[in-house]
Amino acid sequence: MCEEFACLPSQLEDESPDLLMRIALLRDYARSKQRIDAAGDSQPEGISPSMATIWGEVMRVKLARTSQTEGGE
């Protein structure tokens, strides 16, 4: 956690572990989302398995929208 928040362990003693974990997970999500957006249609490297799943779903939706736009089903 100290690496994530750039602090000393003593500075986190009074903080809620649940809150710290939620913040760390949201930061990871935001970083992964930035990589996904920057990668366009290529799967970005360095994302977690759960984010790779999300990337796959994003690509599936894009493909479905493209098919609908082009007159497919």
C-alpha atoms as a PDB file:
ATOM      1  CA  MET A   1       0.000   0.000   0.000  1.00  0.00           C
ATOM      2  CA  CYS A   2       2.829   2.381   0.727  1.00  0.00           C
ATOM      3  CA  GLU A   3       4.055   2.124  -2.853  1.00  0.00           C
ATOM      4  CA  GLU A   4       0.553   2.855  -4.144  1.00  0.00           C
ATOM      5  CA  PHE A   5       0.111   5.887  -1.906  1.00  0.00           C
ATOM      6  CA  ALA A   6       3.763   7.013  -1.781  1.00  0.00           C
ATOM      7  CA  CYS A   7       3.884   7.203   1.985  1.00  0.00           C
ATOM      8  CA  LEU A   8       5.392   5.617   5.067  1.00  0.00           C
ATOM      9  CA  PRO A   9       3.612   2.697   6.775  1.00  0.00           C
ATOM     10  CA  SER A  10       3.041   4.826   9.878  1.00  0.00           C
ATOM     11  CA  GLN A  11       0.996   7.257   7.786  1.00  0.00           C
ATOM     12  CA  LEU A  12      -1.536   4.534   6.943  1.00  0.00           C
ATOM     13  CA  GLU A  13      -2.060   3.143  10.435  1.00  0.00           C
ATOM     14  CA  ASP A  14      -5.268   5.092  11.083  1.00  0.00           C
ATOM     15  CA  GLU A  15      -6.789   4.491   7.655  1.00  0.00           C
ATOM     16  CA  SER A  16      -9.478   1.931   6.895  1.00  0.00           C
ATOM     17  CA  PRO A  17      -7.941  -1.123   5.168  1.00  0.00           C
ATOM     18  CA  ASP A  18     -11.151  -1.573   3.147  1.00  0.00           C
ATOM     19  CA  LEU A  19     -11.048   2.004   1.923  1.00  0.00           C
ATOM     20  CA  LEU A  20      -7.361   1.760   1.015  1.00  0.00           C
ATOM     21  CA  MET A  21      -7.997  -1.438  -0.949  1.00  0.00           C
ATOM     22  CA  ARG A  22     -10.930   0.108  -2.816  1.00  0.00           C
ATOM     23  CA  ILE A  23      -8.841   3.139  -3.739  1.00  0.00           C
ATOM     24  CA  ALA A  24      -5.948   0.926  -4.894  1.00  0.00           C
ATOM     25  CA  LEU A  25      -8.300  -1.174  -7.042  1.00  0.00           C
ATOM     26  CA  LEU A  26      -9.901   1.908  -8.567  1.00  0.00           C
ATOM     27  CA  ARG A  27      -6.468   3.327  -9.381  1.00  0.00           C
ATOM     28  CA  ASP A  28      -5.512   0.038 -11.031  1.00  0.00           C
ATOM     29  CA  TYR A  29      -8.727   0.125 -13.033  1.00  0.00           C
ATOM     30  CA  ALA A  30      -8.058   3.717 -14.145  1.00  0.00           C
ATOM     31  CA  ARG A  31      -4.502   2.879 -15.253  1.00  0.00           C
ATOM     32  CA  SER A  32      -5.705  -0.199 -17.124  1.00  0.00           C
ATOM     33  CA  LYS A  33      -8.525   1.772 -18.759  1.00  0.00           C
ATOM     34  CA  GLN A  34      -6.030   4.347 -19.982  1.00  0.00           C
ATOM     35  CA  ARG A  35      -3.931   1.564 -21.532  1.00  0.00           C
ATOM     36  CA  ILE A  36      -7.020   0.048 -23.172  1.00  0.00           C
ATOM     37  CA  ASP A  37      -8.085   3.414 -24.609  1.00  0.00           C
ATOM     38  CA  ALA A  38      -4.579   4.174 -25.865  1.00  0.00           C
ATOM     39  CA  ALA A  39      -4.208   0.746 -27.489  1.00  0.00           C
ATOM     40  CA  GLY A  40      -7.215   1.164 -29.760  1.00  0.00           C
ATOM     41  CA  ASP A  41      -8.077  -2.202 -31.289  1.00  0.00           C
ATOM     42  CA  SER A  42      -4.911  -3.964 -30.066  1.00  0.00           C
ATOM     43  CA  GLN A  43      -4.959  -5.664 -26.687  1.00  0.00           C
ATOM     44  CA  PRO A  44      -2.658  -3.654 -24.442  1.00  0.00           C
ATOM     45  CA  GLU A  45       0.180  -5.320 -22.613  1.00  0.00           C
ATOM     46  CA  GLY A  46       0.567  -5.112 -18.871  1.00  0.00           C
ATOM     47  CA  ILE A  47      -3.091  -5.251 -17.868  1.00  0.00           C
ATOM     48  CA  SER A  48      -4.537  -7.615 -15.315  1.00  0.00           C
ATOM     49  CA  PRO A  49      -6.489 -10.708 -16.407  1.00  0.00           C
ATOM     50  CA  SER A  50      -9.744  -9.097 -15.310  1.00  0.00           C
ATOM     51  CA  MET A  51      -8.994  -6.027 -17.402  1.00  0.00           C
ATOM     52  CA  ALA A  52      -8.135  -8.274 -20.354  1.00  0.00           C
ATOM     53  CA  THR A  53     -11.638  -9.716 -20.009  1.00  0.00           C
ATOM     54  CA  ILE A  54     -13.108  -6.218 -20.015  1.00  0.00           C
ATOM     55  CA  TRP A  55     -11.019  -5.331 -23.089  1.00  0.00           C
ATOM     56  CA  GLY A  56     -12.436  -8.404 -24.845  1.00  0.00           C
ATOM     57  CA  GLU A  57     -15.975  -7.313 -24.040  1.00  0.00           C
ATOM     58  CA  VAL A  58     -15.287  -3.766 -25.256  1.00  0.00           C
ATOM     59  CA  MET A  59     -13.998  -5.171 -28.550  1.00  0.00           C
ATOM     60  CA  ARG A  60     -17.052  -7.462 -28.888  1.00  0.00           C
ATOM     61  CA  VAL A  61     -19.389  -4.479 -28.446  1.00  0.00           C
ATOM     62  CA  LYS A  62     -17.386  -2.398 -30.952  1.00  0.00           C
ATOM     63  CA  LEU A  63     -17.591  -5.206 -33.488  1.00  0.00           C
ATOM     64  CA  ALA A  64     -21.346  -5.577 -32.960  1.00  0.00           C
ATOM     65  CA  ARG A  65     -21.874  -1.838 -33.424  1.00  0.00           C
ATOM     66  CA  THR A  66     -19.753  -1.829 -36.559  1.00  0.00           C
ATOM     67  CA  SER A  67     -21.765  -4.721 -37.972  1.00  0.00           C
ATOM     68  CA  GLN A  68     -25.036  -2.914 -37.248  1.00  0.00           C
ATOM     69  CA  THR A  69     -23.743   0.300 -38.833  1.00  0.00           C
ATOM     70  CA  GLU A  70     -22.737  -1.578 -41.974  1.00  0.00           C
ATOM     71  CA  GLY A  71     -26.177  -3.166 -42.266  1.00  0.00           C
ATOM     72  CA  GLY A  72     -25.317  -6.525 -40.704  1.00  0.00           C
ATOM     73  CA  GLU A  73     -27.032  -8.057 -37.725  1.00  0.00           C
END
